[in-house]
Each structure stands twice: as structure tokens, then as C-alpha cells.
């Protein structure tokens, strides 16, 4: 099967498996796993932060960060499609007792003025206290859209004026940097905390790293334990992340080029009503009104291709480490075949 459902479906390469097999390990809950420590220190230094925390998933790093930044009854500003709201099982409410305030967004991105307008009146006891602004880069529901760093700096200025924390769900941050040419230090500077995923575009089997100030990460480590996220000989997993940083960053441009080829092909098909502009590795298409999503997905599956429903008449395809040029050519041929034969 050619699996385009997500970039989380990748399997470790032989070289990554070898790195995992020979990893030096210890008990991470005791702070004694040298490979985990190496990954945390490297990621923190990369983004210009003091410390890092290795966790099982991006959901965990996001939820831990928001828990440390807030108290029950507080409010987090984000866009309506944000992963922290849509895809983390209601964790913000269940884990931290917080509500959300949505801001209008252009494919997941909003302005400093919109963020400032959404901030509650701290003097009004009827309103939740706004504590955090959270952005997602790239934006999943925005079709892999990339934030502009200057726009983010404007939001940072708003946060400073109002005493708010600024968090980034950087699940696909390396994809964004492959497009905008900015460095990890550039992107690390405006944020109080960043969640960086290793198991999406970078192709590791498990894991995300939360970076931030030393005291913040100390609290985050306590919350990780409370959430049941303490791992023991986790260096086997951290080794995959270190290998990914060394070998899988530069190749992200290949995924983007293949996604662009998919976009170009889809735009020629009569049953496709539109495609979100493709900048990274996510392709979101809207089918014509007479083309049921489930039937379309089943037709693809029958021909050895997997994709996912992403909303009314919408389908998502994601390119990644395990999808090469030949696979993309097969997908494009199949999409054309469906146009000719239904």
C-alpha cells in the first residue's frame, strides 16, 4: 500500500534501527539515560532554550506545556483548527481545566491584532483569565501552511504587553524551516515553550521534545510523571530522534516537491473542486459535490492507496519518508484513472 494518511506512518530506516540498537541507555526517570540527555540538550541548544524534555508524543509535550503555563479556569487563545483543541482528546479541558478562545485564522494563521482582541479583561471576574497564546507551525488543517516569523514577533509583543506565555506546537516545524529558510534559533527566540515532533516529517518511530527555560522544564518533568509519561531506558527511542536530526532534515524538501506534484495533478482533475495551496508536505483537496468522499477513498484503497477524510468533501494526503517518486507517479496515474473510469 502507498500510505498517504499521515507522515506518522513511516517505519525506521535500517540505519535508524542500527542507531537504536546500539544506543547507550539508562533509567530516564532517574535522569540517567545518556542518549535521552543528549537529545534533550541538543534540541534545547538548537532552538536557543535552556532545557528540553523528551516525551512519547506531541500531544504529551503540548499538554504538559499548557498545564505548566496555566491554572484551572484559565483560557488559551488558538485558532479553531488547532491540534491542541481538535486532536488531543479534550486534553486541555480534562488535564488542565482550561477553556479556549478561538481567533479567526487564515489557514491556521492569525494576526497580532486578532490575538490582542481575543484577550479577556483580567479585571472582570466574569471572564476566564487569558494565560497563553498558542500557534501551530506548520498548520495541519491549514494544509501545511507556514507562519511568517515577523507576524509571530508581533504576537510575541502582544504577549509581552499582557503578561501572556507564547507556546508553539511545532509538530512540523522542520518542514516550515525547509520552506522559509529560517533557523531553529530564529524560531526559538519568540517562544516561551516549543513542542517539536520527531515522528512526523523526521521519520522517527516515537517522540517529541519540549524546550523552554530550565525552571519551566523542571515543572514539566513533574507534570510528565503525573501524566504517566515517565520512561525508563528511553535512549533506544531518543537515538532514533538523534539519527533523524542528523539524516532526515535536508530531505524534507523532497517530500515538499512530491506534494507539489500531487497538487498540480489534482488541479487538472474534473472531480476535484479545489486544493489548498501546497507549501510543505500536506495536500488537502475538496471533491466536487457529486463525488462522495467515502467512495473516493474506497476506490483509492482498492488500488493500493490510503488517504483520509478531512472534513465535508475534503481529503488529506501527506508525503513522507516512505513515499518516493515512483509511488507519487503511481498515485497520479491512479487519480487520472479514476477521472476516466470513475
C-alpha atoms as a PDB file:
ATOM      1  CA  UNK A   1       0.000   0.000   0.000  1.00  0.00           C
ATOM      2  CA  UNK A   2       1.065   3.587  -0.672  1.00  0.00           C
ATOM      3  CA  UNK A   3       0.119   5.168   2.635  1.00  0.00           C
ATOM      4  CA  UNK A   4      -0.620   8.896   2.388  1.00  0.00           C
ATOM      5  CA  UNK A   5      -2.762   9.095   5.520  1.00  0.00           C
ATOM      6  CA  UNK A   6      -0.065  10.808   7.584  1.00  0.00           C
ATOM      7  CA  UNK A   7       3.677  11.294   7.947  1.00  0.00           C
ATOM      8  CA  UNK A   8       3.358   9.399  11.240  1.00  0.00           C
ATOM      9  CA  UNK A   9       3.147   6.061   9.385  1.00  0.00           C
ATOM     10  CA  UNK A  10       6.850   5.937   8.476  1.00  0.00           C
ATOM     11  CA  UNK A  11       8.985   2.996   9.548  1.00  0.00           C
ATOM     12  CA  UNK A  12      12.523   3.385  10.869  1.00  0.00           C
ATOM     13  CA  UNK A  13      15.152   3.095   8.161  1.00  0.00           C
ATOM     14  CA  UNK A  14      17.791   0.345   8.515  1.00  0.00           C
ATOM     15  CA  UNK A  15      20.326   2.984   9.586  1.00  0.00           C
ATOM     16  CA  UNK A  16      17.919   4.333  12.204  1.00  0.00           C
ATOM     17  CA  UNK A  17      17.258   0.834  13.529  1.00  0.00           C
ATOM     18  CA  UNK A  18      21.014   0.300  13.834  1.00  0.00           C
ATOM     19  CA  UNK A  19      21.386   3.537  15.793  1.00  0.00           C
ATOM     20  CA  UNK A  20      18.567   2.460  18.117  1.00  0.00           C
ATOM     21  CA  UNK A  21      20.092  -0.993  18.631  1.00  0.00           C
ATOM     22  CA  UNK A  22      23.431   0.365  19.785  1.00  0.00           C
ATOM     23  CA  UNK A  23      22.077   3.226  21.919  1.00  0.00           C
ATOM     24  CA  UNK A  24      23.663   3.742  25.327  1.00  0.00           C
ATOM     25  CA  UNK A  25      20.792   3.650  27.828  1.00  0.00           C
ATOM     26  CA  UNK A  26      19.944   4.186  31.485  1.00  0.00           C
ATOM     27  CA  UNK A  27      16.874   4.933  33.596  1.00  0.00           C
ATOM     28  CA  UNK A  28      15.458   8.214  32.346  1.00  0.00           C
ATOM     29  CA  UNK A  29      13.130   8.707  35.329  1.00  0.00           C
ATOM     30  CA  UNK A  30      16.267   8.784  37.449  1.00  0.00           C
ATOM     31  CA  UNK A  31      17.769  11.186  34.883  1.00  0.00           C
ATOM     32  CA  UNK A  32      20.390   8.602  33.943  1.00  0.00           C
ATOM     33  CA  UNK A  33      19.770   7.824  30.268  1.00  0.00           C
ATOM     34  CA  UNK A  34      22.707   9.385  28.394  1.00  0.00           C
ATOM     35  CA  UNK A  35      21.055   9.219  24.983  1.00  0.00           C
ATOM     36  CA  UNK A  36      17.891  10.939  26.202  1.00  0.00           C
ATOM     37  CA  UNK A  37      20.009  13.606  27.882  1.00  0.00           C
ATOM     38  CA  UNK A  38      21.959  14.108  24.646  1.00  0.00           C
ATOM     39  CA  UNK A  39      18.744  14.546  22.648  1.00  0.00           C
ATOM     40  CA  UNK A  40      17.212  16.954  25.161  1.00  0.00           C
ATOM     41  CA  UNK A  41      20.361  19.060  25.363  1.00  0.00           C
ATOM     42  CA  UNK A  42      20.844  19.114  21.617  1.00  0.00           C
ATOM     43  CA  UNK A  43      17.275  20.146  20.872  1.00  0.00           C
ATOM     44  CA  UNK A  44      17.302  22.847  23.538  1.00  0.00           C
ATOM     45  CA  UNK A  45      20.571  24.290  22.252  1.00  0.00           C
ATOM     46  CA  UNK A  46      19.341  24.100  18.661  1.00  0.00           C
ATOM     47  CA  UNK A  47      16.391  26.373  19.469  1.00  0.00           C
ATOM     48  CA  UNK A  48      18.259  28.595  21.919  1.00  0.00           C
ATOM     49  CA  UNK A  49      16.482  27.379  25.049  1.00  0.00           C
ATOM     50  CA  UNK A  50      17.903  26.243  28.362  1.00  0.00           C
ATOM     51  CA  UNK A  51      16.472  22.752  28.654  1.00  0.00           C
ATOM     52  CA  UNK A  52      14.442  20.050  26.961  1.00  0.00           C
ATOM     53  CA  UNK A  53      12.130  17.191  27.909  1.00  0.00           C
ATOM     54  CA  UNK A  54      11.709  14.038  25.808  1.00  0.00           C
ATOM     55  CA  UNK A  55       8.145  12.707  25.727  1.00  0.00           C
ATOM     56  CA  UNK A  56       6.212   9.985  23.964  1.00  0.00           C
ATOM     57  CA  UNK A  57       4.211  12.272  21.669  1.00  0.00           C
ATOM     58  CA  UNK A  58       3.471  15.790  20.514  1.00  0.00           C
ATOM     59  CA  UNK A  59       0.146  15.640  22.303  1.00  0.00           C
ATOM     60  CA  UNK A  60       2.013  14.997  25.548  1.00  0.00           C
ATOM     61  CA  UNK A  61       4.509  17.829  25.050  1.00  0.00           C
ATOM     62  CA  UNK A  62       1.706  20.246  24.163  1.00  0.00           C
ATOM     63  CA  UNK A  63      -0.453  19.195  27.082  1.00  0.00           C
ATOM     64  CA  UNK A  64       2.418  19.359  29.553  1.00  0.00           C
ATOM     65  CA  UNK A  65       3.421  22.828  28.365  1.00  0.00           C
ATOM     66  CA  UNK A  66      -0.103  24.186  28.611  1.00  0.00           C
ATOM     67  CA  UNK A  67      -0.543  22.618  32.049  1.00  0.00           C
ATOM     68  CA  UNK A  68       2.591  24.354  33.339  1.00  0.00           C
ATOM     69  CA  UNK A  69       1.624  27.705  31.798  1.00  0.00           C
ATOM     70  CA  UNK A  70      -1.916  27.741  33.217  1.00  0.00           C
ATOM     71  CA  UNK A  71      -4.137  27.151  36.222  1.00  0.00           C
ATOM     72  CA  UNK A  72      -7.669  25.666  36.181  1.00  0.00           C
ATOM     73  CA  UNK A  73     -10.153  28.202  34.887  1.00  0.00           C
ATOM     74  CA  UNK A  74      -7.622  29.937  32.634  1.00  0.00           C
ATOM     75  CA  UNK A  75      -8.010  30.432  28.903  1.00  0.00           C
ATOM     76  CA  UNK A  76      -5.800  29.625  25.896  1.00  0.00           C
ATOM     77  CA  UNK A  77      -6.016  31.548  22.630  1.00  0.00           C
ATOM     78  CA  UNK A  78      -5.674  29.498  19.442  1.00  0.00           C
ATOM     79  CA  UNK A  79      -7.373  29.028  16.097  1.00  0.00           C
ATOM     80  CA  UNK A  80     -10.384  26.743  15.736  1.00  0.00           C
ATOM     81  CA  UNK A  81      -8.444  24.104  13.812  1.00  0.00           C
ATOM     82  CA  UNK A  82      -5.526  23.934  16.245  1.00  0.00           C
ATOM     83  CA  UNK A  83      -4.249  20.480  17.128  1.00  0.00           C
ATOM     84  CA  UNK A  84      -4.290  21.318  20.849  1.00  0.00           C
ATOM     85  CA  UNK A  85      -8.075  21.723  20.566  1.00  0.00           C
ATOM     86  CA  UNK A  86      -9.132  19.377  17.768  1.00  0.00           C
ATOM     87  CA  UNK A  87      -6.906  16.356  18.080  1.00  0.00           C
ATOM     88  CA  UNK A  88      -5.769  15.959  21.674  1.00  0.00           C
ATOM     89  CA  UNK A  89      -8.825  14.277  23.149  1.00  0.00           C
ATOM     90  CA  UNK A  90     -10.103  17.300  25.040  1.00  0.00           C
ATOM     91  CA  UNK A  91      -6.863  17.253  26.998  1.00  0.00           C
ATOM     92  CA  UNK A  92      -6.703  20.992  27.564  1.00  0.00           C
ATOM     93  CA  UNK A  93     -10.014  20.826  29.392  1.00  0.00           C
ATOM     94  CA  UNK A  94      -9.533  17.430  31.084  1.00  0.00           C
ATOM     95  CA  UNK A  95      -5.885  17.789  32.107  1.00  0.00           C
ATOM     96  CA  UNK A  96      -5.686  21.489  32.915  1.00  0.00           C
ATOM     97  CA  UNK A  97      -9.262  22.684  33.400  1.00  0.00           C
ATOM     98  CA  UNK A  98      -8.830  25.394  30.773  1.00  0.00           C
ATOM     99  CA  UNK A  99     -11.106  26.819  28.124  1.00  0.00           C
ATOM    100  CA  UNK A 100     -10.137  28.077  24.684  1.00  0.00           C
ATOM    101  CA  UNK A 101     -10.784  31.328  22.848  1.00  0.00           C
ATOM    102  CA  UNK A 102     -10.793  30.967  19.086  1.00  0.00           C
ATOM    103  CA  UNK A 103      -9.475  33.641  16.760  1.00  0.00           C
ATOM    104  CA  UNK A 104     -10.331  33.891  13.048  1.00  0.00           C
ATOM    105  CA  UNK A 105      -7.463  32.440  11.053  1.00  0.00           C
ATOM    106  CA  UNK A 106      -6.137  32.270   7.507  1.00  0.00           C
ATOM    107  CA  UNK A 107      -5.354  28.566   7.127  1.00  0.00           C
ATOM    108  CA  UNK A 108      -4.382  28.383  10.778  1.00  0.00           C
ATOM    109  CA  UNK A 109      -2.577  31.716  10.988  1.00  0.00           C
ATOM    110  CA  UNK A 110      -3.834  34.820  12.775  1.00  0.00           C
ATOM    111  CA  UNK A 111      -2.511  38.312  13.378  1.00  0.00           C
ATOM    112  CA  UNK A 112      -1.247  40.113  16.450  1.00  0.00           C
ATOM    113  CA  UNK A 113      -4.303  42.376  16.331  1.00  0.00           C
ATOM    114  CA  UNK A 114      -6.631  39.361  16.321  1.00  0.00           C
ATOM    115  CA  UNK A 115      -4.772  37.816  19.253  1.00  0.00           C
ATOM    116  CA  UNK A 116      -4.934  41.059  21.233  1.00  0.00           C
ATOM    117  CA  UNK A 117      -8.643  41.462  20.572  1.00  0.00           C
ATOM    118  CA  UNK A 118      -9.265  37.955  21.950  1.00  0.00           C
ATOM    119  CA  UNK A 119      -7.574  38.604  25.295  1.00  0.00           C
ATOM    120  CA  UNK A 120     -10.034  38.665  28.173  1.00  0.00           C
ATOM    121  CA  UNK A 121     -10.383  41.507  30.643  1.00  0.00           C
ATOM    122  CA  UNK A 122      -8.276  40.393  33.600  1.00  0.00           C
ATOM    123  CA  UNK A 123     -10.131  42.802  35.895  1.00  0.00           C
ATOM    124  CA  UNK A 124     -13.530  41.277  35.102  1.00  0.00           C
ATOM    125  CA  UNK A 125     -14.268  38.352  37.420  1.00  0.00           C
ATOM    126  CA  UNK A 126     -16.872  37.069  34.952  1.00  0.00           C
ATOM    127  CA  UNK A 127     -14.216  36.242  32.353  1.00  0.00           C
ATOM    128  CA  UNK A 128     -11.637  33.500  32.220  1.00  0.00           C
ATOM    129  CA  UNK A 129      -8.084  34.760  32.624  1.00  0.00           C
ATOM    130  CA  UNK A 130      -6.184  34.585  29.368  1.00  0.00           C
ATOM    131  CA  UNK A 131      -2.790  32.990  30.023  1.00  0.00           C
ATOM    132  CA  UNK A 132      -1.404  31.578  26.763  1.00  0.00           C
ATOM    133  CA  UNK A 133      -1.402  32.194  23.038  1.00  0.00           C
ATOM    134  CA  UNK A 134      -0.675  29.009  21.089  1.00  0.00           C
ATOM    135  CA  UNK A 135       0.227  28.717  17.416  1.00  0.00           C
ATOM    136  CA  UNK A 136       0.789  25.646  15.238  1.00  0.00           C
ATOM    137  CA  UNK A 137       3.573  25.618  12.642  1.00  0.00           C
ATOM    138  CA  UNK A 138       3.011  24.188  10.138  1.00  0.00           C
ATOM    139  CA  UNK A 139      -0.770  24.266  10.439  1.00  0.00           C
ATOM    140  CA  UNK A 140      -2.209  20.811   9.807  1.00  0.00           C
ATOM    141  CA  UNK A 141      -5.745  21.936   8.999  1.00  0.00           C
ATOM    142  CA  UNK A 142      -4.264  24.842   7.070  1.00  0.00           C
ATOM    143  CA  UNK A 143      -2.831  22.384   4.569  1.00  0.00           C
ATOM    144  CA  UNK A 144       0.701  22.636   5.910  1.00  0.00           C
ATOM    145  CA  UNK A 145       0.690  26.425   5.830  1.00  0.00           C
ATOM    146  CA  UNK A 146       3.792  28.179   7.165  1.00  0.00           C
ATOM    147  CA  UNK A 147       3.731  31.060   9.631  1.00  0.00           C
ATOM    148  CA  UNK A 148       5.636  34.265   8.925  1.00  0.00           C
ATOM    149  CA  UNK A 149       8.192  34.928  11.647  1.00  0.00           C
ATOM    150  CA  UNK A 150       7.583  38.689  11.611  1.00  0.00           C
ATOM    151  CA  UNK A 151       3.887  38.034  12.200  1.00  0.00           C
ATOM    152  CA  UNK A 152       4.795  35.821  15.141  1.00  0.00           C
ATOM    153  CA  UNK A 153       7.028  38.539  16.572  1.00  0.00           C
ATOM    154  CA  UNK A 154       4.019  40.828  16.576  1.00  0.00           C
ATOM    155  CA  UNK A 155       2.127  38.257  18.627  1.00  0.00           C
ATOM    156  CA  UNK A 156       5.141  37.997  20.953  1.00  0.00           C
ATOM    157  CA  UNK A 157       4.920  41.754  21.524  1.00  0.00           C
ATOM    158  CA  UNK A 158       1.220  41.409  22.399  1.00  0.00           C
ATOM    159  CA  UNK A 159       2.034  38.637  24.868  1.00  0.00           C
ATOM    160  CA  UNK A 160       4.701  40.782  26.495  1.00  0.00           C
ATOM    161  CA  UNK A 161       2.294  43.692  26.930  1.00  0.00           C
ATOM    162  CA  UNK A 162      -0.311  41.478  28.577  1.00  0.00           C
ATOM    163  CA  UNK A 163       1.907  39.101  30.530  1.00  0.00           C
ATOM    164  CA  UNK A 164       0.965  36.033  28.468  1.00  0.00           C
ATOM    165  CA  UNK A 165       3.006  32.968  27.542  1.00  0.00           C
ATOM    166  CA  UNK A 166       3.533  32.150  23.870  1.00  0.00           C
ATOM    167  CA  UNK A 167       3.630  28.436  23.014  1.00  0.00           C
ATOM    168  CA  UNK A 168       4.266  26.779  19.670  1.00  0.00           C
ATOM    169  CA  UNK A 169       3.005  23.399  18.611  1.00  0.00           C
ATOM    170  CA  UNK A 170       5.919  22.815  16.258  1.00  0.00           C
ATOM    171  CA  UNK A 171       4.814  19.366  15.165  1.00  0.00           C
ATOM    172  CA  UNK A 172       6.130  20.051  11.663  1.00  0.00           C
ATOM    173  CA  UNK A 173       8.428  22.965  12.436  1.00  0.00           C
ATOM    174  CA  UNK A 174      11.301  21.454  10.468  1.00  0.00           C
ATOM    175  CA  UNK A 175       9.011  21.362   7.426  1.00  0.00           C
ATOM    176  CA  UNK A 176       8.342  25.070   7.915  1.00  0.00           C
ATOM    177  CA  UNK A 177      12.056  25.867   8.150  1.00  0.00           C
ATOM    178  CA  UNK A 178      12.711  23.902   4.958  1.00  0.00           C
ATOM    179  CA  UNK A 179      10.439  26.417   3.223  1.00  0.00           C
ATOM    180  CA  UNK A 180      11.139  29.757   4.916  1.00  0.00           C
ATOM    181  CA  UNK A 181      14.907  29.376   5.315  1.00  0.00           C
ATOM    182  CA  UNK A 182      14.811  30.463   8.953  1.00  0.00           C
ATOM    183  CA  UNK A 183      16.999  28.742  11.541  1.00  0.00           C
ATOM    184  CA  UNK A 184      15.954  26.943  14.720  1.00  0.00           C
ATOM    185  CA  UNK A 185      17.446  29.839  16.702  1.00  0.00           C
ATOM    186  CA  UNK A 186      15.241  32.258  14.737  1.00  0.00           C
ATOM    187  CA  UNK A 187      12.140  30.268  15.568  1.00  0.00           C
ATOM    188  CA  UNK A 188      13.156  29.545  19.144  1.00  0.00           C
ATOM    189  CA  UNK A 189      13.605  33.187  20.115  1.00  0.00           C
ATOM    190  CA  UNK A 190       9.965  34.427  20.347  1.00  0.00           C
ATOM    191  CA  UNK A 191       8.544  31.484  22.291  1.00  0.00           C
ATOM    192  CA  UNK A 192       8.315  30.571  25.949  1.00  0.00           C
ATOM    193  CA  UNK A 193       7.908  26.920  25.010  1.00  0.00           C
ATOM    194  CA  UNK A 194       8.029  24.816  21.850  1.00  0.00           C
ATOM    195  CA  UNK A 195       6.877  21.265  21.198  1.00  0.00           C
ATOM    196  CA  UNK A 196       8.952  19.691  18.408  1.00  0.00           C
ATOM    197  CA  UNK A 197       7.865  16.363  16.940  1.00  0.00           C
ATOM    198  CA  UNK A 198      10.332  13.730  15.753  1.00  0.00           C
ATOM    199  CA  UNK A 199       7.822  11.153  14.491  1.00  0.00           C
ATOM    200  CA  UNK A 200       6.263  13.125  11.638  1.00  0.00           C
ATOM    201  CA  UNK A 201       8.425  14.619   8.901  1.00  0.00           C
ATOM    202  CA  UNK A 202      11.655  13.486  10.552  1.00  0.00           C
ATOM    203  CA  UNK A 203      10.599   9.849  10.451  1.00  0.00           C
ATOM    204  CA  UNK A 204      11.395   8.675  13.986  1.00  0.00           C
ATOM    205  CA  UNK A 205       9.034   5.996  15.342  1.00  0.00           C
ATOM    206  CA  UNK A 206       8.183   7.772  18.606  1.00  0.00           C
ATOM    207  CA  UNK A 207       8.704  11.024  20.401  1.00  0.00           C
ATOM    208  CA  UNK A 208       8.631  14.783  20.766  1.00  0.00           C
ATOM    209  CA  UNK A 209      10.812  17.197  22.701  1.00  0.00           C
ATOM    210  CA  UNK A 210       9.520  20.146  24.719  1.00  0.00           C
ATOM    211  CA  UNK A 211      12.006  23.003  25.079  1.00  0.00           C
ATOM    212  CA  UNK A 212      11.913  26.061  27.325  1.00  0.00           C
ATOM    213  CA  UNK A 213      13.551  27.694  30.352  1.00  0.00           C
ATOM    214  CA  UNK A 214      15.238  25.425  32.906  1.00  0.00           C
ATOM    215  CA  UNK A 215      12.689  26.077  35.684  1.00  0.00           C
ATOM    216  CA  UNK A 216       9.805  25.567  33.252  1.00  0.00           C
ATOM    217  CA  UNK A 217      11.201  22.216  32.094  1.00  0.00           C
ATOM    218  CA  UNK A 218      11.705  21.215  35.745  1.00  0.00           C
ATOM    219  CA  UNK A 219       7.997  21.709  36.319  1.00  0.00           C
ATOM    220  CA  UNK A 220       7.225  19.998  33.019  1.00  0.00           C
ATOM    221  CA  UNK A 221       9.181  16.934  34.128  1.00  0.00           C
ATOM    222  CA  UNK A 222       6.985  16.717  37.231  1.00  0.00           C
ATOM    223  CA  UNK A 223       3.832  17.008  35.107  1.00  0.00           C
ATOM    224  CA  UNK A 224       5.133  14.340  32.724  1.00  0.00           C
ATOM    225  CA  UNK A 225       5.448  11.977  35.685  1.00  0.00           C
ATOM    226  CA  UNK A 226       1.933  12.855  36.861  1.00  0.00           C
ATOM    227  CA  UNK A 227       0.579  12.154  33.368  1.00  0.00           C
ATOM    228  CA  UNK A 228       2.239   8.722  33.410  1.00  0.00           C
ATOM    229  CA  UNK A 229       4.825   9.771  30.844  1.00  0.00           C
ATOM    230  CA  UNK A 230       7.986   8.780  32.664  1.00  0.00           C
ATOM    231  CA  UNK A 231      10.008   6.310  30.565  1.00  0.00           C
ATOM    232  CA  UNK A 232      12.891   4.104  31.617  1.00  0.00           C
ATOM    233  CA  UNK A 233      15.501   3.006  29.044  1.00  0.00           C
ATOM    234  CA  UNK A 234      14.120   5.526  26.565  1.00  0.00           C
ATOM    235  CA  UNK A 235      17.504   6.066  24.928  1.00  0.00           C
ATOM    236  CA  UNK A 236      16.525   3.421  22.375  1.00  0.00           C
ATOM    237  CA  UNK A 237      13.830   5.868  21.212  1.00  0.00           C
ATOM    238  CA  UNK A 238      15.912   9.012  21.680  1.00  0.00           C
ATOM    239  CA  UNK A 239      18.611   7.507  19.438  1.00  0.00           C
ATOM    240  CA  UNK A 240      16.093   7.476  16.605  1.00  0.00           C
ATOM    241  CA  UNK A 241      15.481  11.196  17.169  1.00  0.00           C
ATOM    242  CA  UNK A 242      19.204  11.976  17.110  1.00  0.00           C
ATOM    243  CA  UNK A 243      19.598   9.969  13.900  1.00  0.00           C
ATOM    244  CA  UNK A 244      16.660  11.839  12.365  1.00  0.00           C
ATOM    245  CA  UNK A 245      18.240  15.211  13.184  1.00  0.00           C
ATOM    246  CA  UNK A 246      21.447  14.096  11.505  1.00  0.00           C
ATOM    247  CA  UNK A 247      19.989  12.448   8.402  1.00  0.00           C
ATOM    248  CA  UNK A 248      16.342  13.377   7.750  1.00  0.00           C
ATOM    249  CA  UNK A 249      16.163  17.162   7.848  1.00  0.00           C
ATOM    250  CA  UNK A 250      17.644  18.076   4.468  1.00  0.00           C
ATOM    251  CA  UNK A 251      15.472  15.539   2.665  1.00  0.00           C
ATOM    252  CA  UNK A 252      12.211  17.271   3.739  1.00  0.00           C
ATOM    253  CA  UNK A 253      12.419  19.307   0.537  1.00  0.00           C
ATOM    254  CA  UNK A 254      11.858  16.047  -1.378  1.00  0.00           C
ATOM    255  CA  UNK A 255       8.558  15.489   0.434  1.00  0.00           C
ATOM    256  CA  UNK A 256       7.513  19.039  -0.406  1.00  0.00           C
ATOM    257  CA  UNK A 257       8.343  18.609  -4.091  1.00  0.00           C
ATOM    258  CA  UNK A 258       6.296  15.402  -4.230  1.00  0.00           C
ATOM    259  CA  UNK A 259       3.343  17.095  -2.519  1.00  0.00           C
ATOM    260  CA  UNK A 260       3.555  19.873  -5.103  1.00  0.00           C
ATOM    261  CA  UNK A 261       3.407  17.302  -7.894  1.00  0.00           C
ATOM    262  CA  UNK A 262       0.262  15.868  -6.323  1.00  0.00           C
ATOM    263  CA  UNK A 263      -1.293  19.333  -6.111  1.00  0.00           C
ATOM    264  CA  UNK A 264      -0.556  20.041  -9.782  1.00  0.00           C
ATOM    265  CA  UNK A 265      -2.079  16.732 -10.848  1.00  0.00           C
ATOM    266  CA  UNK A 266      -5.174  17.134  -8.666  1.00  0.00           C
ATOM    267  CA  UNK A 267      -5.921  20.570 -10.074  1.00  0.00           C
ATOM    268  CA  UNK A 268      -6.335  19.040 -13.542  1.00  0.00           C
ATOM    269  CA  UNK A 269      -8.987  16.522 -12.480  1.00  0.00           C
ATOM    270  CA  UNK A 270     -12.696  17.170 -13.089  1.00  0.00           C
ATOM    271  CA  UNK A 271     -13.802  15.637  -9.782  1.00  0.00           C
ATOM    272  CA  UNK A 272     -11.577  17.944  -7.706  1.00  0.00           C
ATOM    273  CA  UNK A 273     -13.215  21.251  -6.773  1.00  0.00           C
ATOM    274  CA  UNK A 274     -10.074  22.733  -5.240  1.00  0.00           C
ATOM    275  CA  UNK A 275      -6.783  22.159  -3.451  1.00  0.00           C
ATOM    276  CA  UNK A 276      -5.360  24.225  -0.594  1.00  0.00           C
ATOM    277  CA  UNK A 277      -2.106  25.883  -1.723  1.00  0.00           C
ATOM    278  CA  UNK A 278       0.698  23.420  -1.050  1.00  0.00           C
ATOM    279  CA  UNK A 279       3.872  24.687   0.623  1.00  0.00           C
ATOM    280  CA  UNK A 280       5.042  21.693   2.600  1.00  0.00           C
ATOM    281  CA  UNK A 281       4.069  18.009   2.700  1.00  0.00           C
ATOM    282  CA  UNK A 282       0.303  18.222   3.294  1.00  0.00           C
ATOM    283  CA  UNK A 283      -2.197  18.145   0.429  1.00  0.00           C
ATOM    284  CA  UNK A 284      -5.848  18.881   1.234  1.00  0.00           C
ATOM    285  CA  UNK A 285      -8.302  18.590  -1.622  1.00  0.00           C
ATOM    286  CA  UNK A 286     -12.013  19.273  -1.882  1.00  0.00           C
ATOM    287  CA  UNK A 287     -14.036  16.922  -4.057  1.00  0.00           C
ATOM    288  CA  UNK A 288     -16.813  18.020  -6.366  1.00  0.00           C
ATOM    289  CA  UNK A 289     -20.284  17.901  -4.835  1.00  0.00           C
ATOM    290  CA  UNK A 290     -21.218  14.763  -6.774  1.00  0.00           C
ATOM    291  CA  UNK A 291     -18.151  12.804  -5.595  1.00  0.00           C
ATOM    292  CA  UNK A 292     -18.726  11.172  -2.182  1.00  0.00           C
ATOM    293  CA  UNK A 293     -15.621  11.143  -0.012  1.00  0.00           C
ATOM    294  CA  UNK A 294     -16.060   7.602   1.269  1.00  0.00           C
ATOM    295  CA  UNK A 295     -16.482   6.174  -2.231  1.00  0.00           C
ATOM    296  CA  UNK A 296     -13.400   8.067  -3.406  1.00  0.00           C
ATOM    297  CA  UNK A 297     -11.300   6.780  -0.507  1.00  0.00           C
ATOM    298  CA  UNK A 298     -12.515   3.227  -1.103  1.00  0.00           C
ATOM    299  CA  UNK A 299     -11.656   3.468  -4.808  1.00  0.00           C
ATOM    300  CA  UNK A 300      -8.137   4.540  -3.838  1.00  0.00           C
ATOM    301  CA  UNK A 301      -7.832   1.759  -1.260  1.00  0.00           C
ATOM    302  CA  UNK A 302      -8.879  -0.854  -3.806  1.00  0.00           C
ATOM    303  CA  UNK A 303      -5.973   0.356  -5.943  1.00  0.00           C
ATOM    304  CA  UNK A 304      -3.442   0.264  -3.115  1.00  0.00           C
ATOM    305  CA  UNK A 305      -3.512   3.888  -1.926  1.00  0.00           C
ATOM    306  CA  UNK A 306      -4.536   5.167   1.507  1.00  0.00           C
ATOM    307  CA  UNK A 307      -5.741   8.699   2.308  1.00  0.00           C
ATOM    308  CA  UNK A 308      -8.060  10.156   4.976  1.00  0.00           C
ATOM    309  CA  UNK A 309     -11.307  12.102   5.192  1.00  0.00           C
ATOM    310  CA  UNK A 310     -10.577  15.601   6.462  1.00  0.00           C
ATOM    311  CA  UNK A 311     -13.984  17.229   6.545  1.00  0.00           C
ATOM    312  CA  UNK A 312     -17.078  17.589   4.351  1.00  0.00           C
ATOM    313  CA  UNK A 313     -15.934  16.703   0.793  1.00  0.00           C
ATOM    314  CA  UNK A 314     -12.305  17.018   1.955  1.00  0.00           C
ATOM    315  CA  UNK A 315      -9.444  14.513   1.721  1.00  0.00           C
ATOM    316  CA  UNK A 316      -5.904  14.776   3.106  1.00  0.00           C
ATOM    317  CA  UNK A 317      -2.773  13.237   1.612  1.00  0.00           C
ATOM    318  CA  UNK A 318       0.639  13.591   3.276  1.00  0.00           C
ATOM    319  CA  UNK A 319       4.009  12.848   1.700  1.00  0.00           C
ATOM    320  CA  UNK A 320       6.819  11.456   3.815  1.00  0.00           C
ATOM    321  CA  UNK A 321       9.975   9.375   4.085  1.00  0.00           C
ATOM    322  CA  UNK A 322       8.333   6.169   2.824  1.00  0.00           C
ATOM    323  CA  UNK A 323       6.786   7.706  -0.313  1.00  0.00           C
ATOM    324  CA  UNK A 324       9.256   8.013  -3.188  1.00  0.00           C
ATOM    325  CA  UNK A 325       8.982   9.403  -6.726  1.00  0.00           C
ATOM    326  CA  UNK A 326       7.742   6.090  -8.109  1.00  0.00           C
ATOM    327  CA  UNK A 327       4.944   5.995  -5.521  1.00  0.00           C
ATOM    328  CA  UNK A 328       3.865   9.530  -6.398  1.00  0.00           C
ATOM    329  CA  UNK A 329       3.827   8.610 -10.082  1.00  0.00           C
ATOM    330  CA  UNK A 330       1.570   5.648  -9.261  1.00  0.00           C
ATOM    331  CA  UNK A 331      -0.772   7.862  -7.231  1.00  0.00           C
ATOM    332  CA  UNK A 332      -1.008  10.432 -10.042  1.00  0.00           C
ATOM    333  CA  UNK A 333      -1.713   7.707 -12.610  1.00  0.00           C
ATOM    334  CA  UNK A 334      -4.411   6.243 -10.357  1.00  0.00           C
ATOM    335  CA  UNK A 335      -6.056   9.625  -9.824  1.00  0.00           C
ATOM    336  CA  UNK A 336      -6.180  10.047 -13.582  1.00  0.00           C
ATOM    337  CA  UNK A 337      -7.628   6.579 -13.989  1.00  0.00           C
ATOM    338  CA  UNK A 338     -10.424   7.448 -11.560  1.00  0.00           C
ATOM    339  CA  UNK A 339     -11.224  10.505 -13.672  1.00  0.00           C
ATOM    340  CA  UNK A 340     -11.607   8.314 -16.762  1.00  0.00           C
ATOM    341  CA  UNK A 341     -13.393   5.331 -15.243  1.00  0.00           C
ATOM    342  CA  UNK A 342     -14.950   6.561 -12.012  1.00  0.00           C
END
